[in-house]
Protein backbone atom coordinates (compact mmCIF):
# COMPACT_ATOMS: atom_id res chain seq x y z
CA MET A 1 147.69 55.42 36.67
CA THR A 2 148.74 53.64 39.91
CA LEU A 3 147.04 53.78 43.26
CA ASP A 4 149.98 52.08 45.07
CA LEU A 5 150.60 54.95 47.48
CA SER A 6 152.39 54.80 50.83
CA ARG A 7 150.39 55.81 53.87
CA ARG A 8 152.46 58.98 54.12
CA GLN A 9 151.87 59.81 50.47
CA PHE A 10 148.18 59.12 50.79
CA GLY A 11 147.94 61.39 53.78
CA GLN A 12 149.47 64.16 51.76
CA GLN A 13 146.98 63.84 48.93
CA THR A 14 143.50 65.32 48.96
CA LEU A 15 140.51 63.17 48.19
CA GLY A 16 139.78 65.40 45.23
CA ALA A 17 143.22 64.75 43.74
CA LEU A 18 142.93 60.99 44.19
CA LEU A 19 139.40 60.54 42.95
CA THR A 20 139.73 62.14 39.57
CA TYR A 21 136.72 62.68 37.39
CA SER A 22 137.66 59.71 35.21
CA LEU A 23 137.96 57.40 38.22
CA LEU A 24 134.60 58.50 39.54
CA GLN A 25 133.11 57.78 36.15
CA THR A 26 134.54 54.26 36.30
CA LEU A 27 133.17 53.65 39.79
CA VAL A 28 129.71 54.88 38.84
CA ALA A 29 129.71 52.81 35.64
CA ARG A 30 130.51 49.72 37.70
CA ASP A 31 127.79 50.63 40.25
CA ALA A 32 130.44 50.51 42.97
CA PHE A 33 128.25 52.67 45.22
CA GLY A 34 124.94 51.17 44.13
CA GLU A 35 124.51 48.25 46.49
CA GLU A 36 125.41 50.21 49.62
CA MET A 37 123.06 53.01 48.60
CA LYS A 38 120.26 50.52 47.94
CA LEU A 39 120.73 48.93 51.36
CA LEU A 40 120.62 52.31 53.11
CA ALA A 41 117.53 53.44 51.22
CA ALA A 42 115.81 50.07 51.64
CA LYS A 43 116.26 50.07 55.40
CA TRP A 44 113.86 52.93 56.02
CA LEU A 45 111.32 51.28 53.72
CA LYS A 46 111.63 48.07 55.73
CA ASP A 47 111.17 50.04 58.96
CA LEU A 48 108.13 51.72 57.40
CA ASN A 49 106.76 48.34 56.41
CA ASP A 50 107.25 47.00 59.94
CA LEU A 51 105.40 50.00 61.40
CA SER A 52 102.59 49.53 58.90
CA ASN A 53 102.30 45.88 59.87
CA ASP A 54 102.05 46.96 63.49
CA VAL A 55 99.32 49.54 62.87
CA LYS A 56 97.26 47.05 60.84
CA GLY A 57 97.74 44.47 63.59
CA LYS A 58 96.68 47.03 66.20
CA LYS A 59 100.03 46.69 67.95
CA VAL A 60 100.37 50.47 67.81
CA LYS A 61 97.73 53.19 67.78
CA GLN A 62 97.23 55.13 64.56
CA THR A 63 98.46 58.34 66.19
CA ASP A 64 101.57 56.49 67.42
CA TRP A 65 102.11 55.24 63.86
CA GLN A 66 102.01 58.86 62.70
CA ALA A 67 104.56 59.93 65.30
CA LYS A 68 106.92 57.05 64.49
CA VAL A 69 106.59 57.51 60.71
CA ASP A 70 107.21 61.26 61.04
CA GLU A 71 110.34 60.46 63.04
CA LEU A 72 111.44 57.91 60.44
CA LEU A 73 110.85 60.25 57.49
CA GLY A 74 112.82 62.93 59.30
CA LYS A 75 115.91 60.68 59.08
CA VAL A 76 115.59 59.78 55.40
CA ASP A 77 118.56 60.49 53.15
CA LEU A 78 116.71 62.15 50.31
CA ALA A 79 119.52 61.78 47.75
CA ASP A 80 119.70 58.02 48.34
CA THR A 81 115.92 57.75 48.19
CA LEU A 82 115.79 59.52 44.82
CA LYS A 83 118.39 57.12 43.44
CA PHE A 84 116.57 54.14 44.95
CA LEU A 85 113.32 55.20 43.26
CA ASP A 86 115.21 55.91 40.01
CA PHE A 87 113.56 59.30 40.23
CA ASP A 88 115.18 60.90 37.19
CA LYS A 89 114.09 58.07 34.92
CA LEU A 90 110.65 57.89 36.51
CA THR A 91 109.96 61.59 35.94
CA ALA A 92 111.65 62.03 32.55
CA ASP A 93 109.43 63.51 29.81
CA ILE A 94 106.24 63.29 31.85
CA GLN A 95 103.13 65.17 30.80
CA PHE A 96 101.59 66.92 33.79
CA LYS A 97 97.82 66.81 34.15
CA ASP A 98 95.69 69.89 33.57
CA GLN A 99 93.89 69.15 36.83
CA GLY A 100 95.26 67.45 39.89
CA GLU A 101 98.19 65.11 40.20
CA LEU A 102 99.80 62.63 37.86
CA SER A 103 100.34 59.32 39.67
CA LEU A 104 103.60 57.53 38.87
CA ARG A 105 104.32 53.98 39.95
CA ALA A 106 107.92 53.61 41.15
CA LYS A 107 109.31 50.12 40.73
CA LEU A 108 111.41 49.39 43.78
CA PRO A 109 114.61 47.40 43.16
CA GLN A 110 115.01 43.98 44.74
CA VAL A 111 117.18 44.42 47.81
CA GLU A 112 118.07 41.85 50.43
CA GLY A 113 116.07 42.49 53.59
CA LEU A 114 113.30 44.45 51.86
CA PRO A 115 110.02 42.47 51.71
CA THR A 116 108.68 41.83 48.23
CA ASN A 117 105.06 42.20 49.38
CA LEU A 118 104.86 45.52 51.18
CA VAL A 119 101.97 46.22 53.53
CA PHE A 120 101.69 49.77 52.25
CA GLY A 121 100.93 51.01 48.78
CA HIS A 122 103.18 53.65 47.26
CA GLN A 123 103.27 56.09 44.37
CA VAL A 124 104.88 59.35 43.31
CA PHE A 125 102.58 62.31 42.65
CA ALA A 126 103.80 64.79 40.03
CA LEU A 127 102.20 68.22 39.81
CA ALA A 128 102.69 71.38 37.81
CA LYS A 129 102.48 74.77 39.51
CA ASP A 130 99.07 75.62 41.05
CA ARG A 131 97.83 72.03 40.61
CA SER A 132 96.67 70.21 43.75
CA VAL A 133 96.33 66.96 45.51
CA VAL A 134 92.76 68.05 46.16
CA PRO A 135 91.15 68.35 49.60
CA HIS A 136 90.12 64.93 50.79
CA GLY A 137 89.89 62.76 53.85
CA HIS A 138 90.20 59.04 54.34
CA ASN A 139 88.16 56.22 55.75
CA ASN A 140 90.15 53.50 57.48
CA MET A 141 93.54 54.55 56.11
CA ALA A 142 96.90 55.76 57.37
CA THR A 143 98.92 57.87 54.95
CA ALA A 144 102.25 59.69 54.72
CA PHE A 145 103.67 62.26 52.30
CA LEU A 146 107.36 62.96 51.65
CA ILE A 147 108.21 65.93 49.43
CA LEU A 148 110.72 64.65 46.86
CA GLY A 149 111.11 67.91 44.97
CA GLY A 150 109.68 71.39 44.70
CA THR A 151 107.45 73.17 47.18
CA PHE A 152 103.81 72.93 48.25
CA GLN A 153 101.28 74.85 50.29
CA GLY A 154 100.14 72.08 52.61
CA ARG A 155 96.93 72.17 54.62
CA HIS A 156 95.59 69.66 57.14
CA TYR A 157 92.31 69.53 59.04
CA ASP A 158 90.93 67.41 61.83
CA ARG A 159 87.70 65.67 60.80
CA LEU A 160 85.64 66.21 63.93
CA GLU A 161 82.21 64.97 62.90
CA ASP A 162 80.22 63.70 59.90
CA VAL A 163 76.79 65.33 59.69
CA GLY A 164 74.73 64.14 56.75
CA GLU A 165 76.30 65.55 53.60
CA HIS A 166 78.72 67.73 55.57
CA PHE A 167 81.89 67.31 57.60
CA ILE A 168 82.72 69.42 60.63
CA ILE A 169 86.44 70.12 60.35
CA ARG A 170 89.06 72.28 62.05
CA PRO A 171 92.31 73.56 60.43
CA THR A 172 95.48 72.20 62.02
CA ILE A 173 98.29 72.93 59.50
CA ASP A 174 98.60 75.62 56.82
CA ARG A 175 102.19 76.25 55.74
CA GLN A 176 104.77 75.90 53.01
CA PHE A 177 106.34 72.45 52.64
CA LYS A 178 109.74 72.24 50.98
CA THR A 179 111.78 69.35 49.62
CA GLY A 180 112.50 66.74 52.30
CA GLU A 181 109.58 67.70 54.55
CA HIS A 182 106.73 65.35 55.30
CA SER A 183 103.35 64.87 56.96
CA THR A 184 101.07 62.03 58.04
CA VAL A 185 97.35 61.28 58.25
CA SER A 186 95.23 58.83 60.21
CA ASP A 187 91.57 58.43 61.10
CA HIS A 188 92.32 60.05 64.46
CA ASN A 189 94.54 63.03 63.62
CA ASP A 190 94.90 65.45 60.68
CA ASN A 191 92.53 63.24 58.71
CA ILE A 192 91.99 65.70 55.83
CA HIS A 193 94.77 67.13 53.70
CA TRP A 194 95.27 69.32 50.62
CA PHE A 195 98.58 70.09 48.88
CA THR A 196 99.02 72.72 46.16
CA ALA A 197 102.25 72.97 44.15
CA THR A 198 103.91 76.37 44.48
CA SER A 199 106.96 75.59 42.30
CA GLU A 200 107.01 74.95 38.56
CA ARG A 201 107.34 71.20 39.18
CA ALA A 202 106.68 69.41 42.45
CA PHE A 203 106.76 65.78 43.55
CA ILE A 204 105.46 63.78 46.50
CA PHE A 205 106.25 60.23 47.57
CA ASN A 206 102.97 58.90 48.95
CA ILE A 207 102.52 55.78 51.04
CA HIS A 208 99.14 54.49 52.19
CA VAL A 209 98.06 51.68 54.51
CA MET A 210 94.57 50.47 53.60
CA ASN A 211 91.98 48.89 55.92
CA VAL A 212 93.91 49.76 59.06
CA ASP A 213 91.06 48.46 61.19
CA PRO A 214 89.67 45.24 59.65
CA ASP A 215 86.51 45.59 61.73
CA LYS A 216 85.53 48.84 60.00
CA GLN A 217 84.27 49.79 56.54
CA ASN A 218 86.40 49.51 53.44
CA ALA A 219 89.12 52.09 53.00
CA GLY A 220 88.85 55.00 50.58
CA ARG A 221 88.86 58.72 49.97
CA VAL A 222 86.10 61.20 50.78
CA TYR A 223 86.08 64.59 49.03
CA LEU A 224 84.94 67.91 50.47
CA ASP A 225 84.99 71.66 49.99
CA PRO A 226 86.89 73.08 52.99
CA ASN A 227 85.80 76.64 52.18
CA GLY A 228 82.50 76.19 53.94
CA GLU A 229 80.43 77.84 56.65
CA LYS A 230 82.52 79.18 59.54
CA LEU A 231 81.40 77.90 62.93
CA SER A 232 82.51 78.64 66.48
CA ASP A 233 85.81 77.39 67.91
CA ASN A 234 87.56 77.68 64.51
CA ARG A 235 85.40 74.94 63.02
CA ILE A 236 84.15 74.74 59.43
CA LYS A 237 81.04 73.06 58.05
CA ALA A 238 82.43 71.58 54.84
CA ARG A 239 80.20 70.19 52.11
CA ARG A 240 80.79 66.66 50.84
CA VAL A 241 81.46 66.79 47.08
CA SER A 242 82.19 64.38 44.26
CA ALA A 243 85.65 63.76 42.85
CA GLY A 244 84.67 65.56 39.67
CA GLU A 245 83.54 68.68 41.51
CA VAL A 246 86.54 68.92 43.83
CA TYR A 247 88.97 68.65 40.90
CA LYS A 248 87.11 71.44 39.09
CA LEU A 249 87.27 73.59 42.23
CA TYR A 250 90.81 72.91 43.39
CA GLY A 251 92.60 70.56 40.97
């Protein structure tokens, strides 16, 4: 097979005729597209890392971090990201949990320009249908979710006040999230979230920035039951619960 075509001949050929199945196989086997794909996918992770550095350094407000990360995630090429995470290999033959999410650690490839020590932690959550990333809030954390596959019913709440063993919360988001959609959390906006898989298999890429404010308490999750006492102004008095209880209720 020769590819020594004149410009006129080339112009007369379709891309489908030129790139035969066998040629594509050869290119893929040689990873001819791999490095470019890795660079494209790594760029948004580098941008995410830069933003996370800024929020930890108090160069940007947490709510501004959310807005910028939402904008960044909205531009992600999902197909490249799945390849970059080696998603098919990562999720092959997994055993879903009976309650809650299975956490998978994606090993990111070494790519020029991508820091080796990322400011944010990352993982992939895998869930079977009707299983949940249970209702929880955060202390001193900024978090983002990107739906890698499947669909979820996603709910967010503002954490308005902590009152003893209760949280006063207000619903802000309650809708279906499909593949490629995303959401963010900070101490100042949409602090509580809850995602339930509505497809047979569903996957989330989660990133989390810990100890956003070094002057505050250590970062971590707090669990609650959002189906609490209804108050005025669309508020809810939600009971603080243990991890064990919330997984029994909603996992």
